[in-house]
Structures are given as C-alpha cells and as structure tokens.
C-alpha cells in the first residue's frame, strides 16, 4: 500500500531541533560500508543543501516579515539535518575517495531514474549527462591510481564499471546548448517532478563540492581536473535546473521540495543496510513529515492554496532504490556517445554545421587537447603504466573507446572522427 505523507500525524516542528551532541557522532567505516550507503549519504546531503539554498533565496525575495521568520524556522531544522549527514563521512576518507563515490552516485542514480522515466525528453536529458558523469568517474579513477596506487574498483563494490564515456574534453558546450525545455507541473507525472528535483539537487551538490575542492587538492594536475569537471557540473546543473517548471510560486516549490525530501528519506530508509544510518533515515523521515505539513500550512496561509492543488495525488510513487546499472549504461553509451547539445535538443556531432557555436566555444576554452587536464591525466597514466586504468566486465561497447594505450580526445568533438 502506497504511503501518503500528508495523512500522517506530524510531530511539532520545534521538536526537530537537535541537541548539539547528537549532531556529531557516528561515521561509517570506509573499508566496510556498502558503497550504496555512501551514495545515499551524499544524495541526502545534497538534497538538504538544495533545500537550505532554496529557502535562503525565497527569503531574500520576500518582504513579509512573518513569512521570512517562518522560513527561518523551517531552514534551521534542515540545517541541523545537513550537518549530521555531512559528518557521517569519516575523517579517514580522502577527498579523492569521496569523489569516486560522488561520481558513482551520479552514474547509478541517474541511470536508475532514467530507466524508469516516462517523459522521453527528461529521460534523454538524463541519459545525455549520464555518459559525462560516467567519463568523470573514469578520469578521477585514473588520477587516484596514478597518485595513490588505489584502485577505484575497490571503492565501487563491483556495482559500477569504470571506463571512458563521452570524453570530458568533448563535453564543453556553449551555454545556450545546456538550457532545456521545462516540464509542465500540471501535466507531467508526480514521479517526473520528483526526479527532476532529485537530479538537480544531486548535481548541484557535486558542482558545489568540486567548486570548493579544486582549490584545495594537493597536486596541480588534480586541481586542474577538479576545475575542469566543475565547469561540466555547472552545465549539468543548468540543464537539469532548466527542466523545473518556472511557473510555480515559491511556496508551491517549497512544498514540492519538502515532499521530495520526505520521499527520499523514506526511500533511503527502505533500502538502507547500515542499521545506524537506517535509524537516521527513519528519524529524518519523521522530521520531514513535519516540515511537509508546515510547508502546506504556509501555502494555505500566504498563497490561499491547499496542498492538493500542487500535489493532487500525494501517495508516494515507486520508491527510489539505487541499483546496479551496468547494462543500462552500456546501452546508452552505444546509442548516444556521439551526441552533443543543440539548444533545447540534442544532435550527433556530424549533424552540426561547421559554423555552429559548439566548435568556436571548444577552441576558446580548450584550444588544442594538450594541457586539458581530463586528457592529460589519461595520457600521463598511459605513459607511466603502459595503459589506462579501467574496471570493466567485458569489452567497451564503443569500438572507438576500446584502445587502452591512447586517449580518444576527438570523439563527440571533431566531425568525421567516429572511427578513431
């Protein structure tokens, strides 16, 4: 039986405020934790980041003092949740180890959602970015293997392959080509609306993480790689964020944010294998029910609308369980690796006119491939070890990406180079 969070009795909002000592304590064991436990933690950290940032932006554009205070009340509880979730990551886990988990999340979360998405345009947007995050995982894994000797396959638990996707150097597009058509909140399914919210928050968390870490990494090549991939994450956030229906009011969006959080915490609770983390998901689901009811009251008080006008059928759709997606990713690679953005749509690179601004933008930001970090890290690994680092269960599905002693920096970037 599907659960409707609006039918649950909420706890008092102030009871969500947590004593300081409870915000810092348990952290998972990086050697024994299931990789998907780490992924759920990153996902919920990003979801809380999104909610807090959204709440601040609404407040900054709101004159009514009562509503500004009400938003602050809600935001304080969200901040406490985020602080506890962030510290579930252990001190011993390095930035690069954590980055592997970020990219594994980007791959398996996106693939899990795309595989069940019924809006073909939203699905295409997810499939498109999926191949880019898949390639980022490969580039970071090679950096790790080269700098520390660690194998990223030991971190991903066999769930996710590590091999080239759409080459990162080919992902740098003109800003116009990352803005997509928004969904229609009145016509699209509740699942589609949830998934657009979820993927936007997840990618924004990755963008924020890389924006900060690129200045703190220990090597010049690593700093440059974080810097380059952070720019691609900006493109992903632009694409996914542009899918969100812009017509909804701030308080309607607030309600949907809280519903998304409740849905995710319940999904995490149902799929979690670490009993201590599972207890946190259960606690925070209870708190999110309170947040959701509070947001519904704000919608009623300030917009004069009932929650049913925003979420008519409020029972949770199919829960989100992140699962292994090797075959799905391989299929997307084979079918769409040559695609790039073309304004609100997509096109294979050879279909673009020579004057299309993708090519001029590539020249401006990349110039030649020499010195582009995502290419250089693979070339350097090949020079030192004779081949790149990969974890794959069989041959790469794209012939042009099977060569392990030369990085392909033209696929999806240079016209007429499909076979290289």
Protein backbone atom coordinates (compact mmCIF):
# COMPACT_ATOMS: atom_id res chain seq x y z
CA UNK A 1 0.00 0.00 0.00
CA UNK A 2 1.41 3.38 -1.03
CA UNK A 3 2.12 5.91 1.70
CA UNK A 4 0.66 9.44 1.69
CA UNK A 5 2.78 11.64 4.00
CA UNK A 6 0.01 14.20 4.30
CA UNK A 7 -2.12 11.58 6.06
CA UNK A 8 0.50 11.04 8.80
CA UNK A 9 0.31 12.97 12.05
CA UNK A 10 3.30 15.34 12.19
CA UNK A 11 5.46 15.98 15.25
CA UNK A 12 5.83 19.55 16.48
CA UNK A 13 8.37 21.44 14.37
CA UNK A 14 10.41 22.65 17.33
CA UNK A 15 10.89 19.06 18.47
CA UNK A 16 13.02 18.63 15.34
CA UNK A 17 15.72 20.84 16.90
CA UNK A 18 18.55 18.53 17.90
CA UNK A 19 20.89 18.75 20.87
CA UNK A 20 24.42 19.57 19.75
CA UNK A 21 25.99 16.27 20.85
CA UNK A 22 23.54 14.32 18.68
CA UNK A 23 24.67 16.09 15.50
CA UNK A 24 28.16 14.63 15.65
CA UNK A 25 28.91 11.03 16.42
CA UNK A 26 28.59 8.03 14.14
CA UNK A 27 30.57 7.86 10.89
CA UNK A 28 30.63 4.83 8.61
CA UNK A 29 33.71 2.62 8.25
CA UNK A 30 35.07 3.43 4.81
CA UNK A 31 36.53 -0.06 4.43
CA UNK A 32 33.36 -1.98 5.26
CA UNK A 33 30.44 0.31 4.38
CA UNK A 34 28.37 -0.71 1.39
CA UNK A 35 29.12 1.75 -1.46
CA UNK A 36 25.41 2.48 -1.81
CA UNK A 37 25.25 3.57 1.84
CA UNK A 38 27.88 6.18 0.95
CA UNK A 39 25.85 7.17 -2.11
CA UNK A 40 22.66 7.64 -0.12
CA UNK A 41 24.53 9.87 2.33
CA UNK A 42 25.86 12.05 -0.48
CA UNK A 43 22.40 12.18 -2.04
CA UNK A 44 20.70 13.31 1.15
CA UNK A 45 23.47 15.78 1.94
CA UNK A 46 22.88 17.32 -1.49
CA UNK A 47 19.13 17.29 -1.00
CA UNK A 48 19.50 19.24 2.24
CA UNK A 49 21.93 21.67 0.58
CA UNK A 50 19.33 22.32 -2.11
CA UNK A 51 16.56 22.93 0.41
CA UNK A 52 18.65 25.30 2.51
CA UNK A 53 19.80 27.28 -0.53
CA UNK A 54 16.27 27.47 -1.89
CA UNK A 55 14.95 28.72 1.46
CA UNK A 56 17.54 31.48 1.61
CA UNK A 57 16.70 32.62 -1.92
CA UNK A 58 12.98 32.74 -1.20
CA UNK A 59 13.62 34.79 1.94
CA UNK A 60 15.81 37.28 0.05
CA UNK A 61 12.97 37.95 -2.37
CA UNK A 62 10.22 38.17 0.26
CA UNK A 63 9.03 41.32 2.08
CA UNK A 64 6.57 39.77 4.53
CA UNK A 65 8.36 39.55 7.89
CA UNK A 66 6.13 36.77 9.21
CA UNK A 67 6.89 34.55 6.22
CA UNK A 68 10.61 35.34 6.45
CA UNK A 69 10.55 34.14 10.07
CA UNK A 70 8.53 31.06 9.16
CA UNK A 71 11.09 30.16 6.51
CA UNK A 72 13.92 30.65 9.00
CA UNK A 73 12.19 28.28 11.41
CA UNK A 74 11.99 25.58 8.75
CA UNK A 75 15.50 26.20 7.49
CA UNK A 76 17.10 25.82 10.91
CA UNK A 77 15.84 22.26 11.19
CA UNK A 78 17.03 21.47 7.65
CA UNK A 79 20.47 22.83 8.53
CA UNK A 80 20.70 20.52 11.53
CA UNK A 81 19.86 17.55 9.36
CA UNK A 82 22.53 18.51 6.83
CA UNK A 83 25.24 18.94 9.47
CA UNK A 84 24.63 15.46 10.86
CA UNK A 85 24.51 13.82 7.45
CA UNK A 86 27.73 15.53 6.32
CA UNK A 87 29.61 14.07 9.29
CA UNK A 88 28.52 10.53 8.53
CA UNK A 89 31.52 10.62 6.20
CA UNK A 90 34.59 9.52 8.21
CA UNK A 91 37.66 11.70 8.70
CA UNK A 92 39.84 8.98 7.16
CA UNK A 93 38.11 9.14 3.77
CA UNK A 94 40.14 11.31 1.40
CA UNK A 95 38.72 13.92 -0.95
CA UNK A 96 39.51 11.72 -3.94
CA UNK A 97 37.94 8.64 -2.35
CA UNK A 98 34.85 10.70 -1.63
CA UNK A 99 34.90 11.97 -5.21
CA UNK A 100 34.72 8.41 -6.54
CA UNK A 101 31.52 7.98 -4.51
CA UNK A 102 30.15 11.28 -5.88
CA UNK A 103 30.65 10.11 -9.45
CA UNK A 104 29.34 6.62 -8.74
CA UNK A 105 26.22 8.28 -7.38
CA UNK A 106 25.94 10.46 -10.49
CA UNK A 107 26.13 7.35 -12.67
CA UNK A 108 23.93 4.88 -10.82
CA UNK A 109 21.36 7.39 -9.54
CA UNK A 110 20.91 8.94 -12.97
CA UNK A 111 20.71 5.56 -14.68
CA UNK A 112 18.24 4.22 -12.10
CA UNK A 113 15.94 7.19 -12.60
CA UNK A 114 16.35 7.38 -16.39
CA UNK A 115 15.49 3.70 -16.74
CA UNK A 116 12.05 4.31 -15.21
CA UNK A 117 11.37 7.85 -16.51
CA UNK A 118 8.21 8.06 -18.64
CA UNK A 119 8.79 11.55 -20.06
CA UNK A 120 11.02 10.80 -23.09
CA UNK A 121 12.56 14.28 -23.13
CA UNK A 122 13.53 14.18 -19.45
CA UNK A 123 14.88 10.66 -19.97
CA UNK A 124 17.00 11.89 -22.86
CA UNK A 125 18.41 14.72 -20.74
CA UNK A 126 19.37 12.21 -18.04
CA UNK A 127 20.91 9.75 -20.49
CA UNK A 128 22.93 12.56 -22.05
CA UNK A 129 24.50 13.77 -18.79
CA UNK A 130 24.90 10.20 -17.55
CA UNK A 131 27.61 9.49 -20.11
CA UNK A 132 29.51 12.57 -18.99
CA UNK A 133 29.48 11.66 -15.31
CA UNK A 134 30.49 8.14 -16.32
CA UNK A 135 33.57 9.59 -18.00
CA UNK A 136 34.34 11.76 -14.96
CA UNK A 137 34.42 8.63 -12.80
CA UNK A 138 36.99 7.15 -15.19
CA UNK A 139 39.20 10.27 -15.16
CA UNK A 140 39.20 10.56 -11.36
CA UNK A 141 39.88 6.82 -11.02
CA UNK A 142 42.96 7.14 -13.20
CA UNK A 143 44.16 10.11 -11.15
CA UNK A 144 43.71 8.08 -7.98
CA UNK A 145 45.51 5.03 -9.33
CA UNK A 146 48.40 7.17 -10.53
CA UNK A 147 48.79 9.28 -7.39
CA UNK A 148 47.98 6.83 -4.58
CA UNK A 149 48.07 3.36 -6.14
CA UNK A 150 44.46 2.78 -5.07
CA UNK A 151 42.03 1.04 -7.39
CA UNK A 152 38.64 2.66 -7.61
CA UNK A 153 37.11 -0.74 -8.29
CA UNK A 154 37.70 -1.48 -4.60
CA UNK A 155 35.50 1.52 -3.73
CA UNK A 156 32.58 0.95 -6.11
CA UNK A 157 31.95 -2.58 -4.85
CA UNK A 158 31.61 -4.10 -8.30
CA UNK A 159 28.35 -2.20 -8.87
CA UNK A 160 29.69 0.25 -11.44
CA UNK A 161 32.10 -0.14 -14.32
CA UNK A 162 34.97 2.32 -14.78
CA UNK A 163 35.84 3.09 -18.39
CA UNK A 164 35.54 6.01 -20.82
CA UNK A 165 32.20 7.65 -21.53
CA UNK A 166 31.69 10.74 -23.68
CA UNK A 167 35.21 12.22 -23.37
CA UNK A 168 35.24 15.09 -20.88
CA UNK A 169 37.07 17.30 -23.35
CA UNK A 170 34.07 16.91 -25.69
CA UNK A 171 31.57 17.98 -23.04
CA UNK A 172 32.42 21.70 -23.03
CA UNK A 173 29.47 23.29 -24.83
CA UNK A 174 28.26 26.82 -25.46
CA UNK A 175 25.99 27.92 -22.58
CA UNK A 176 22.99 28.23 -24.91
CA UNK A 177 23.10 24.49 -25.53
CA UNK A 178 22.68 23.48 -21.90
CA UNK A 179 19.29 25.14 -21.35
CA UNK A 180 16.41 22.70 -21.84
CA UNK A 181 12.63 22.87 -22.02
CA UNK A 182 10.84 22.88 -18.64
CA UNK A 183 8.35 20.24 -17.66
CA UNK A 184 4.71 21.14 -17.04
CA UNK A 185 3.87 20.67 -13.37
CA UNK A 186 0.18 20.29 -14.20
CA UNK A 187 0.65 17.66 -16.89
CA UNK A 188 3.77 15.68 -16.00
CA UNK A 189 3.62 12.81 -13.54
CA UNK A 190 4.50 13.15 -9.88
CA UNK A 191 7.42 10.79 -10.46
CA UNK A 192 8.82 13.03 -13.21
CA UNK A 193 8.54 16.10 -10.99
CA UNK A 194 10.28 14.26 -8.17
CA UNK A 195 13.07 13.02 -10.41
CA UNK A 196 13.77 16.47 -11.85
CA UNK A 197 14.03 17.86 -8.31
CA UNK A 198 16.24 14.98 -7.17
CA UNK A 199 18.72 15.07 -10.05
CA UNK A 200 19.02 18.85 -9.90
CA UNK A 201 19.89 18.74 -6.19
CA UNK A 202 22.32 15.85 -6.65
CA UNK A 203 24.20 17.52 -9.50
CA UNK A 204 24.24 20.86 -7.70
CA UNK A 205 25.86 19.20 -4.68
CA UNK A 206 28.56 17.78 -6.96
CA UNK A 207 29.08 21.16 -8.60
CA UNK A 208 29.43 22.86 -5.20
CA UNK A 209 31.82 20.18 -3.96
CA UNK A 210 34.14 20.48 -6.95
CA UNK A 211 33.95 24.28 -6.99
CA UNK A 212 35.43 24.28 -3.50
CA UNK A 213 37.78 21.31 -3.72
CA UNK A 214 39.57 22.41 -6.90
CA UNK A 215 41.49 24.99 -4.88
CA UNK A 216 42.47 22.59 -2.09
CA UNK A 217 43.63 19.49 -3.96
CA UNK A 218 47.26 18.51 -3.37
CA UNK A 219 48.58 18.35 -6.98
CA UNK A 220 48.44 20.77 -9.89
CA UNK A 221 47.01 18.12 -12.22
CA UNK A 222 44.34 17.22 -9.65
CA UNK A 223 43.43 20.89 -9.12
CA UNK A 224 43.07 21.36 -12.85
CA UNK A 225 40.97 18.21 -13.22
CA UNK A 226 38.58 19.32 -10.47
CA UNK A 227 38.43 22.75 -12.04
CA UNK A 228 37.59 21.37 -15.48
CA UNK A 229 34.98 18.89 -14.29
CA UNK A 230 33.42 21.53 -12.02
CA UNK A 231 32.66 23.50 -15.19
CA UNK A 232 30.85 20.49 -16.65
CA UNK A 233 28.86 20.11 -13.44
CA UNK A 234 27.79 23.74 -13.86
CA UNK A 235 26.48 22.77 -17.29
CA UNK A 236 24.60 19.80 -15.81
CA UNK A 237 23.01 21.95 -13.12
CA UNK A 238 21.95 24.45 -15.79
CA UNK A 239 20.37 21.67 -17.85
CA UNK A 240 18.58 19.92 -15.01
CA UNK A 241 17.53 23.13 -13.29
CA UNK A 242 16.04 24.42 -16.53
CA UNK A 243 13.71 21.40 -16.56
CA UNK A 244 11.93 22.62 -13.40
CA UNK A 245 8.57 24.26 -14.09
CA UNK A 246 9.21 28.03 -13.74
CA UNK A 247 5.52 28.91 -13.36
CA UNK A 248 5.05 27.51 -9.84
CA UNK A 249 5.09 30.02 -6.98
CA UNK A 250 7.92 29.97 -4.39
CA UNK A 251 5.67 28.36 -1.78
CA UNK A 252 4.43 25.76 -4.25
CA UNK A 253 8.06 24.93 -4.95
CA UNK A 254 8.76 24.83 -1.21
CA UNK A 255 6.00 22.27 -0.77
CA UNK A 256 7.46 20.17 -3.58
CA UNK A 257 10.93 20.43 -2.05
CA UNK A 258 9.65 19.10 1.27
CA UNK A 259 7.67 16.35 -0.43
CA UNK A 260 10.82 15.34 -2.33
CA UNK A 261 12.80 15.14 0.90
CA UNK A 262 10.14 13.05 2.61
CA UNK A 263 10.04 10.72 -0.40
CA UNK A 264 13.83 10.35 -0.44
CA UNK A 265 14.22 9.74 3.29
CA UNK A 266 11.54 7.07 3.14
CA UNK A 267 13.23 5.50 0.09
CA UNK A 268 16.59 5.54 1.87
CA UNK A 269 15.06 4.01 4.99
CA UNK A 270 13.52 1.18 2.99
CA UNK A 271 16.78 0.35 1.19
CA UNK A 272 19.47 1.05 3.84
CA UNK A 273 21.65 -1.82 5.08
CA UNK A 274 23.62 0.01 7.80
CA UNK A 275 21.37 -0.14 10.92
CA UNK A 276 22.73 3.09 12.42
CA UNK A 277 22.29 5.04 9.21
CA UNK A 278 18.87 3.44 8.71
CA UNK A 279 17.79 4.81 12.10
CA UNK A 280 18.81 8.30 10.99
CA UNK A 281 16.78 7.99 7.79
CA UNK A 282 13.78 6.93 9.87
CA UNK A 283 14.21 9.85 12.26
CA UNK A 284 14.60 12.33 9.44
CA UNK A 285 11.60 10.97 7.56
CA UNK A 286 9.55 11.73 10.67
CA UNK A 287 11.00 15.24 10.72
CA UNK A 288 10.33 15.73 7.02
CA UNK A 289 6.69 14.86 7.51
CA UNK A 290 6.59 17.74 10.00
CA UNK A 291 8.37 20.01 7.50
CA UNK A 292 5.94 18.99 4.77
CA UNK A 293 2.88 19.76 6.88
CA UNK A 294 4.45 23.08 7.91
CA UNK A 295 5.04 23.96 4.22
CA UNK A 296 1.43 23.05 3.45
CA UNK A 297 0.30 25.42 6.18
CA UNK A 298 2.48 28.22 4.77
CA UNK A 299 0.97 27.61 1.33
CA UNK A 300 -2.51 27.85 2.81
CA UNK A 301 -1.72 30.91 4.94
CA UNK A 302 0.16 33.02 2.41
CA UNK A 303 -0.99 31.78 -1.03
CA UNK A 304 -4.50 30.70 -0.11
CA UNK A 305 -3.97 27.27 -1.69
CA UNK A 306 -4.36 23.72 -0.43
CA UNK A 307 -1.59 21.20 -0.95
CA UNK A 308 -3.88 19.15 -3.23
CA UNK A 309 -3.70 21.96 -5.80
CA UNK A 310 0.04 21.30 -6.09
CA UNK A 311 0.17 17.55 -5.41
CA UNK A 312 -3.31 16.20 -6.23
CA UNK A 313 -2.42 12.54 -5.72
CA UNK A 314 0.07 12.67 -2.86
CA UNK A 315 0.75 8.98 -2.21
CA UNK A 316 4.39 8.19 -2.89
CA UNK A 317 5.05 6.72 -6.34
CA UNK A 318 7.53 3.89 -6.76
CA UNK A 319 10.30 4.40 -4.22
CA UNK A 320 13.84 5.21 -5.34
CA UNK A 321 16.27 2.34 -4.80
CA UNK A 322 19.69 2.97 -6.34
CA UNK A 323 20.68 -0.22 -8.14
CA UNK A 324 23.42 -1.62 -10.36
CA UNK A 325 23.03 -0.31 -13.91
CA UNK A 326 25.92 -1.74 -15.93
CA UNK A 327 23.81 -2.96 -18.85
CA UNK A 328 21.76 0.23 -18.99
CA UNK A 329 24.88 2.42 -19.10
CA UNK A 330 26.41 0.25 -21.82
CA UNK A 331 23.28 0.64 -23.92
CA UNK A 332 23.26 4.43 -23.57
CA UNK A 333 26.97 4.57 -24.43
CA UNK A 334 26.49 2.60 -27.62
CA UNK A 335 23.49 4.65 -28.77
CA UNK A 336 24.30 8.25 -27.81
CA UNK A 337 28.03 8.76 -27.14
CA UNK A 338 28.33 10.95 -30.28
CA UNK A 339 25.62 13.38 -29.20
CA UNK A 340 26.07 16.96 -28.08
CA UNK A 341 23.67 19.73 -27.13
CA UNK A 342 21.87 21.73 -29.80
CA UNK A 343 19.93 24.46 -27.96
CA UNK A 344 16.97 22.71 -26.29
CA UNK A 345 17.59 19.50 -28.20
CA UNK A 346 20.44 17.10 -28.97
CA UNK A 347 22.27 16.14 -32.15
CA UNK A 348 25.16 13.98 -33.24
CA UNK A 349 28.32 15.97 -33.76
CA UNK A 350 28.44 15.29 -37.52
CA UNK A 351 24.95 16.80 -37.95
CA UNK A 352 26.10 20.24 -36.79
CA UNK A 353 27.08 22.90 -39.29
CA UNK A 354 30.72 23.90 -39.28
CA UNK A 355 29.69 27.35 -38.04
CA UNK A 356 27.76 26.04 -35.04
CA UNK A 357 28.98 27.76 -31.87
CA UNK A 358 30.00 24.47 -30.22
CA UNK A 359 33.17 24.45 -32.32
CA UNK A 360 34.08 28.06 -31.59
CA UNK A 361 33.48 27.52 -27.87
CA UNK A 362 35.70 24.43 -27.93
CA UNK A 363 38.53 26.44 -29.49
CA UNK A 364 38.12 29.21 -26.92
CA UNK A 365 38.11 27.04 -23.77
CA UNK A 366 40.22 24.06 -24.84
CA UNK A 367 42.37 25.14 -27.74
CA UNK A 368 44.36 22.02 -28.54
CA UNK A 369 43.99 18.92 -26.39
CA UNK A 370 47.46 19.46 -24.94
CA UNK A 371 47.12 20.85 -21.43
CA UNK A 372 43.46 19.90 -20.96
CA UNK A 373 43.51 18.09 -17.61
CA UNK A 374 40.94 15.38 -18.39
CA UNK A 375 43.00 14.30 -21.40
CA UNK A 376 46.36 14.82 -19.71
CA UNK A 377 45.54 12.60 -16.72
CA UNK A 378 44.90 9.63 -19.02
CA UNK A 379 47.94 10.32 -21.19
CA UNK A 380 50.12 10.55 -18.09
CA UNK A 381 48.73 7.26 -16.70
CA UNK A 382 49.42 5.55 -20.05
CA UNK A 383 52.96 6.92 -20.10
CA UNK A 384 53.68 5.64 -16.58
CA UNK A 385 51.86 2.28 -16.68
CA UNK A 386 51.56 1.43 -20.37
CA UNK A 387 47.76 1.67 -20.40
CA UNK A 388 44.90 3.48 -18.71
CA UNK A 389 43.17 2.25 -15.55
CA UNK A 390 39.76 0.64 -16.02
CA UNK A 391 37.37 -1.73 -14.34
CA UNK A 392 35.14 -3.34 -16.95
CA UNK A 393 33.41 -6.71 -17.16
CA UNK A 394 33.86 -7.06 -20.94
CA UNK A 395 34.97 -5.05 -23.96
CA UNK A 396 33.84 -1.45 -24.21
CA UNK A 397 30.60 -1.20 -26.22
CA UNK A 398 32.05 1.63 -28.37
CA UNK A 399 34.84 0.49 -30.70
CA UNK A 400 36.48 3.91 -30.67
CA UNK A 401 36.90 3.76 -26.88
CA UNK A 402 38.45 0.29 -26.60
CA UNK A 403 42.07 1.36 -27.07
CA UNK A 404 43.79 1.44 -23.69
CA UNK A 405 47.12 2.90 -24.76
CA UNK A 406 45.81 6.12 -26.32
CA UNK A 407 43.17 8.52 -25.02
CA UNK A 408 40.45 9.42 -27.53
CA UNK A 409 40.05 13.20 -27.40
CA UNK A 410 38.14 13.70 -30.67
CA UNK A 411 35.03 11.51 -30.22
CA UNK A 412 31.96 13.73 -29.98
CA UNK A 413 34.16 16.78 -30.53
CA UNK A 414 35.59 16.65 -34.05
CA UNK A 415 33.39 15.94 -37.05
CA UNK A 416 34.10 12.85 -39.14
CA UNK A 417 36.15 11.12 -36.44
CA UNK A 418 33.77 8.34 -35.42
CA UNK A 419 36.23 5.53 -36.13
CA UNK A 420 39.22 6.98 -34.32
